[in-house]
């Protein structure tokens, strides 16, 4: 369990690399990719039979989760501002 939790947190430490990825990919497209990675990791987790595959699926899921959590608040603020401008 310790190995799994350690591997799961590595992408959390690397979440600052979102800034570099955003230089090449638009923010909304990165959110879609992150959600797809997270879903893929969760899906593969249910199908694995070997520990190494389980670890790999956990890392993929964690990368998707941490990247999405990093940019989700920015995307939310962008949409809230547009909604407020329309209602007034």
N, C-alpha and C. Protein backbone atom coordinates (compact mmCIF):
# COMPACT_ATOMS: atom_id res chain seq x y z
N UNK A 1 0.82 -1.19 0.00
CA UNK A 1 0.00 0.00 0.00
C UNK A 1 0.87 1.26 0.00
N UNK A 2 1.99 1.20 0.67
CA UNK A 2 2.89 2.35 0.71
C UNK A 2 3.46 2.69 -0.66
N UNK A 3 3.81 1.67 -1.43
CA UNK A 3 4.33 1.90 -2.78
C UNK A 3 3.26 2.56 -3.64
N UNK A 4 2.04 2.06 -3.55
CA UNK A 4 0.95 2.61 -4.35
C UNK A 4 0.70 4.08 -4.01
N UNK A 5 0.65 4.42 -2.74
CA UNK A 5 0.41 5.81 -2.34
C UNK A 5 1.57 6.72 -2.73
N UNK A 6 2.78 6.20 -2.66
CA UNK A 6 3.94 6.99 -3.07
C UNK A 6 3.89 7.30 -4.56
N UNK A 7 3.57 6.30 -5.36
CA UNK A 7 3.48 6.51 -6.80
C UNK A 7 2.33 7.44 -7.17
N UNK A 8 1.27 7.36 -6.42
CA UNK A 8 0.10 8.20 -6.70
C UNK A 8 0.38 9.68 -6.47
N UNK A 9 1.26 9.98 -5.56
CA UNK A 9 1.54 11.38 -5.22
C UNK A 9 2.61 12.03 -6.09
N UNK A 10 3.37 11.26 -6.83
CA UNK A 10 4.42 11.84 -7.69
C UNK A 10 3.83 12.83 -8.69
N UNK A 11 2.75 12.51 -9.41
CA UNK A 11 2.18 13.52 -10.32
C UNK A 11 1.68 14.77 -9.58
N UNK A 12 1.32 14.64 -8.33
CA UNK A 12 0.92 15.80 -7.55
C UNK A 12 2.06 16.78 -7.36
N UNK A 13 3.26 16.24 -7.16
CA UNK A 13 4.43 17.10 -7.05
C UNK A 13 4.78 17.74 -8.39
N UNK A 14 4.43 17.08 -9.48
CA UNK A 14 4.75 17.58 -10.81
C UNK A 14 3.61 18.39 -11.43
N UNK A 15 2.62 18.74 -10.65
CA UNK A 15 1.47 19.48 -11.18
C UNK A 15 1.86 20.86 -11.70
N UNK A 16 2.98 21.40 -11.26
CA UNK A 16 3.42 22.70 -11.76
C UNK A 16 3.80 22.65 -13.24
N UNK A 17 4.01 21.45 -13.79
CA UNK A 17 4.35 21.33 -15.21
C UNK A 17 3.16 21.68 -16.11
N UNK A 18 1.99 21.90 -15.52
CA UNK A 18 0.83 22.33 -16.29
C UNK A 18 1.15 23.63 -17.02
N UNK A 19 1.92 24.49 -16.40
CA UNK A 19 2.28 25.77 -17.01
C UNK A 19 3.00 25.54 -18.33
N UNK A 20 3.91 24.57 -18.35
CA UNK A 20 4.65 24.29 -19.57
C UNK A 20 3.77 23.64 -20.63
N UNK A 21 2.86 22.79 -20.21
CA UNK A 21 1.95 22.13 -21.15
C UNK A 21 1.01 23.15 -21.77
N UNK A 22 0.59 24.15 -20.99
CA UNK A 22 -0.33 25.16 -21.51
C UNK A 22 0.32 26.03 -22.58
N UNK A 23 1.63 26.00 -22.70
CA UNK A 23 2.30 26.73 -23.77
C UNK A 23 2.01 26.08 -25.13
N UNK A 24 1.61 24.80 -25.12
CA UNK A 24 1.39 24.08 -26.37
C UNK A 24 -0.07 23.69 -26.59
N UNK A 25 -0.85 23.62 -25.52
CA UNK A 25 -2.23 23.13 -25.60
C UNK A 25 -3.15 24.16 -24.95
N UNK A 26 -4.31 24.39 -25.54
CA UNK A 26 -5.28 25.30 -24.92
C UNK A 26 -5.80 24.71 -23.62
N UNK A 27 -6.24 25.59 -22.74
CA UNK A 27 -6.64 25.17 -21.40
C UNK A 27 -7.84 24.22 -21.40
N UNK A 28 -8.82 24.51 -22.22
CA UNK A 28 -10.01 23.65 -22.24
C UNK A 28 -9.68 22.28 -22.83
N UNK A 29 -8.84 22.25 -23.85
CA UNK A 29 -8.45 20.97 -24.44
C UNK A 29 -7.65 20.15 -23.43
N UNK A 30 -6.80 20.80 -22.63
CA UNK A 30 -6.05 20.10 -21.60
C UNK A 30 -6.99 19.53 -20.54
N UNK A 31 -8.06 20.24 -20.24
CA UNK A 31 -9.04 19.72 -19.28
C UNK A 31 -9.69 18.45 -19.82
N UNK A 32 -10.04 18.45 -21.11
CA UNK A 32 -10.63 17.25 -21.71
C UNK A 32 -9.64 16.08 -21.68
N UNK A 33 -8.40 16.36 -22.01
CA UNK A 33 -7.38 15.31 -22.01
C UNK A 33 -7.17 14.78 -20.60
N UNK A 34 -7.16 15.67 -19.62
CA UNK A 34 -6.97 15.26 -18.22
C UNK A 34 -8.11 14.37 -17.74
N UNK A 35 -9.33 14.74 -18.08
CA UNK A 35 -10.47 13.92 -17.68
C UNK A 35 -10.42 12.56 -18.36
N UNK A 36 -10.00 12.54 -19.62
CA UNK A 36 -9.88 11.26 -20.33
C UNK A 36 -8.80 10.39 -19.70
N UNK A 37 -7.66 10.99 -19.31
CA UNK A 37 -6.61 10.22 -18.64
C UNK A 37 -7.10 9.67 -17.31
N UNK A 38 -7.81 10.50 -16.57
CA UNK A 38 -8.32 10.04 -15.28
C UNK A 38 -9.30 8.89 -15.47
N UNK A 39 -10.19 9.01 -16.43
CA UNK A 39 -11.15 7.94 -16.71
C UNK A 39 -10.48 6.67 -17.20
N UNK A 40 -9.46 6.83 -18.04
CA UNK A 40 -8.72 5.67 -18.54
C UNK A 40 -8.02 4.93 -17.40
N UNK A 41 -7.42 5.70 -16.50
CA UNK A 41 -6.74 5.08 -15.35
C UNK A 41 -7.70 4.33 -14.45
N UNK A 42 -8.87 4.92 -14.21
CA UNK A 42 -9.87 4.25 -13.38
C UNK A 42 -10.39 2.99 -14.07
N UNK A 43 -10.61 3.07 -15.38
CA UNK A 43 -11.12 1.92 -16.13
C UNK A 43 -10.11 0.76 -16.12
N UNK A 44 -8.85 1.08 -16.35
CA UNK A 44 -7.82 0.04 -16.40
C UNK A 44 -7.62 -0.58 -15.02
N UNK A 45 -7.81 0.21 -13.97
CA UNK A 45 -7.66 -0.31 -12.60
C UNK A 45 -8.57 -1.51 -12.36
N UNK A 46 -9.76 -1.49 -12.92
CA UNK A 46 -10.69 -2.60 -12.72
C UNK A 46 -10.37 -3.83 -13.55
N UNK A 47 -9.47 -3.71 -14.52
CA UNK A 47 -9.17 -4.81 -15.42
C UNK A 47 -7.83 -5.48 -15.17
N UNK A 48 -7.03 -4.96 -14.26
CA UNK A 48 -5.66 -5.44 -14.10
C UNK A 48 -5.60 -6.73 -13.29
N UNK A 49 -4.53 -7.47 -13.55
CA UNK A 49 -4.28 -8.69 -12.80
C UNK A 49 -2.89 -8.70 -12.18
N UNK A 50 -2.03 -7.79 -12.60
CA UNK A 50 -0.65 -7.74 -12.13
C UNK A 50 -0.43 -6.43 -11.38
N UNK A 51 0.40 -6.47 -10.35
CA UNK A 51 0.66 -5.27 -9.56
C UNK A 51 1.25 -4.14 -10.38
N UNK A 52 2.19 -4.45 -11.28
CA UNK A 52 2.83 -3.39 -12.07
C UNK A 52 1.82 -2.66 -12.95
N UNK A 53 0.86 -3.36 -13.51
CA UNK A 53 -0.18 -2.73 -14.32
C UNK A 53 -1.07 -1.87 -13.43
N UNK A 54 -1.32 -2.34 -12.24
CA UNK A 54 -2.11 -1.55 -11.28
C UNK A 54 -1.39 -0.25 -10.93
N UNK A 55 -0.09 -0.34 -10.72
CA UNK A 55 0.69 0.87 -10.43
C UNK A 55 0.67 1.84 -11.60
N UNK A 56 0.82 1.32 -12.81
CA UNK A 56 0.80 2.16 -14.00
C UNK A 56 -0.56 2.84 -14.17
N UNK A 57 -1.63 2.10 -13.97
CA UNK A 57 -2.98 2.66 -14.07
C UNK A 57 -3.19 3.75 -13.02
N UNK A 58 -2.66 3.54 -11.84
CA UNK A 58 -2.78 4.54 -10.78
C UNK A 58 -2.03 5.81 -11.13
N UNK A 59 -0.86 5.68 -11.74
CA UNK A 59 -0.09 6.86 -12.14
C UNK A 59 -0.83 7.63 -13.23
N UNK A 60 -1.39 6.92 -14.22
CA UNK A 60 -2.15 7.59 -15.29
C UNK A 60 -3.35 8.32 -14.72
N UNK A 61 -4.07 7.67 -13.82
CA UNK A 61 -5.23 8.30 -13.19
C UNK A 61 -4.82 9.53 -12.38
N UNK A 62 -3.71 9.43 -11.68
CA UNK A 62 -3.25 10.52 -10.85
C UNK A 62 -2.78 11.72 -11.68
N UNK A 63 -2.15 11.45 -12.82
CA UNK A 63 -1.74 12.55 -13.71
C UNK A 63 -2.98 13.29 -14.19
N UNK A 64 -3.97 12.56 -14.63
CA UNK A 64 -5.21 13.20 -15.08
C UNK A 64 -5.88 14.00 -13.99
N UNK A 65 -5.96 13.43 -12.80
CA UNK A 65 -6.60 14.12 -11.69
C UNK A 65 -5.87 15.40 -11.31
N UNK A 66 -4.56 15.31 -11.13
CA UNK A 66 -3.82 16.48 -10.68
C UNK A 66 -3.77 17.58 -11.73
N UNK A 67 -3.68 17.22 -13.00
CA UNK A 67 -3.71 18.24 -14.04
C UNK A 67 -5.09 18.90 -14.10
N UNK A 68 -6.15 18.11 -14.00
CA UNK A 68 -7.49 18.69 -14.05
C UNK A 68 -7.75 19.59 -12.85
N UNK A 69 -7.37 19.15 -11.68
CA UNK A 69 -7.59 19.97 -10.48
C UNK A 69 -6.81 21.28 -10.55
N UNK A 70 -5.66 21.26 -11.20
CA UNK A 70 -4.86 22.48 -11.31
C UNK A 70 -5.54 23.53 -12.18
N UNK A 71 -6.18 23.11 -13.26
CA UNK A 71 -6.76 24.08 -14.18
C UNK A 71 -8.27 24.26 -14.02
N UNK A 72 -8.91 23.45 -13.22
CA UNK A 72 -10.38 23.53 -13.11
C UNK A 72 -10.84 24.86 -12.51
N UNK A 73 -10.14 25.36 -11.52
CA UNK A 73 -10.58 26.62 -10.91
C UNK A 73 -10.43 27.78 -11.89
N UNK A 74 -9.39 27.76 -12.69
CA UNK A 74 -9.21 28.81 -13.70
C UNK A 74 -10.32 28.76 -14.74
N UNK A 75 -10.65 27.57 -15.19
CA UNK A 75 -11.74 27.44 -16.15
C UNK A 75 -13.08 27.86 -15.54
N UNK A 76 -13.30 27.54 -14.30
CA UNK A 76 -14.53 27.93 -13.62
C UNK A 76 -14.65 29.44 -13.54
N UNK A 77 -13.57 30.10 -13.19
CA UNK A 77 -13.60 31.57 -13.10
C UNK A 77 -13.83 32.21 -14.47
N UNK A 78 -13.29 31.61 -15.51
CA UNK A 78 -13.52 32.15 -16.85
C UNK A 78 -14.99 32.06 -17.22
N UNK A 79 -15.65 30.95 -16.92
CA UNK A 79 -17.05 30.79 -17.28
C UNK A 79 -17.97 31.62 -16.39
N UNK A 80 -17.64 31.74 -15.11
CA UNK A 80 -18.48 32.55 -14.21
C UNK A 80 -18.51 34.00 -14.68
N UNK A 81 -17.39 34.53 -15.08
CA UNK A 81 -17.33 35.91 -15.53
C UNK A 81 -18.21 36.12 -16.76
N UNK A 82 -18.21 35.19 -17.68
CA UNK A 82 -19.04 35.32 -18.88
C UNK A 82 -20.53 35.24 -18.53
N UNK A 83 -20.89 34.40 -17.60
CA UNK A 83 -22.30 34.28 -17.20
C UNK A 83 -22.76 35.55 -16.51
N UNK A 84 -21.95 36.12 -15.66
CA UNK A 84 -22.33 37.35 -14.95
C UNK A 84 -22.50 38.52 -15.92
N UNK A 85 -21.68 38.60 -16.93
CA UNK A 85 -21.80 39.69 -17.89
C UNK A 85 -23.09 39.57 -18.70
N UNK A 86 -23.51 38.38 -18.99
CA UNK A 86 -24.73 38.18 -19.77
C UNK A 86 -25.98 38.52 -18.96
N UNK A 87 -25.96 38.27 -17.66
CA UNK A 87 -27.17 38.43 -16.87
C UNK A 87 -27.47 39.89 -16.54
N UNK A 88 -26.49 40.77 -16.65
CA UNK A 88 -26.73 42.17 -16.30
C UNK A 88 -27.11 42.97 -17.48
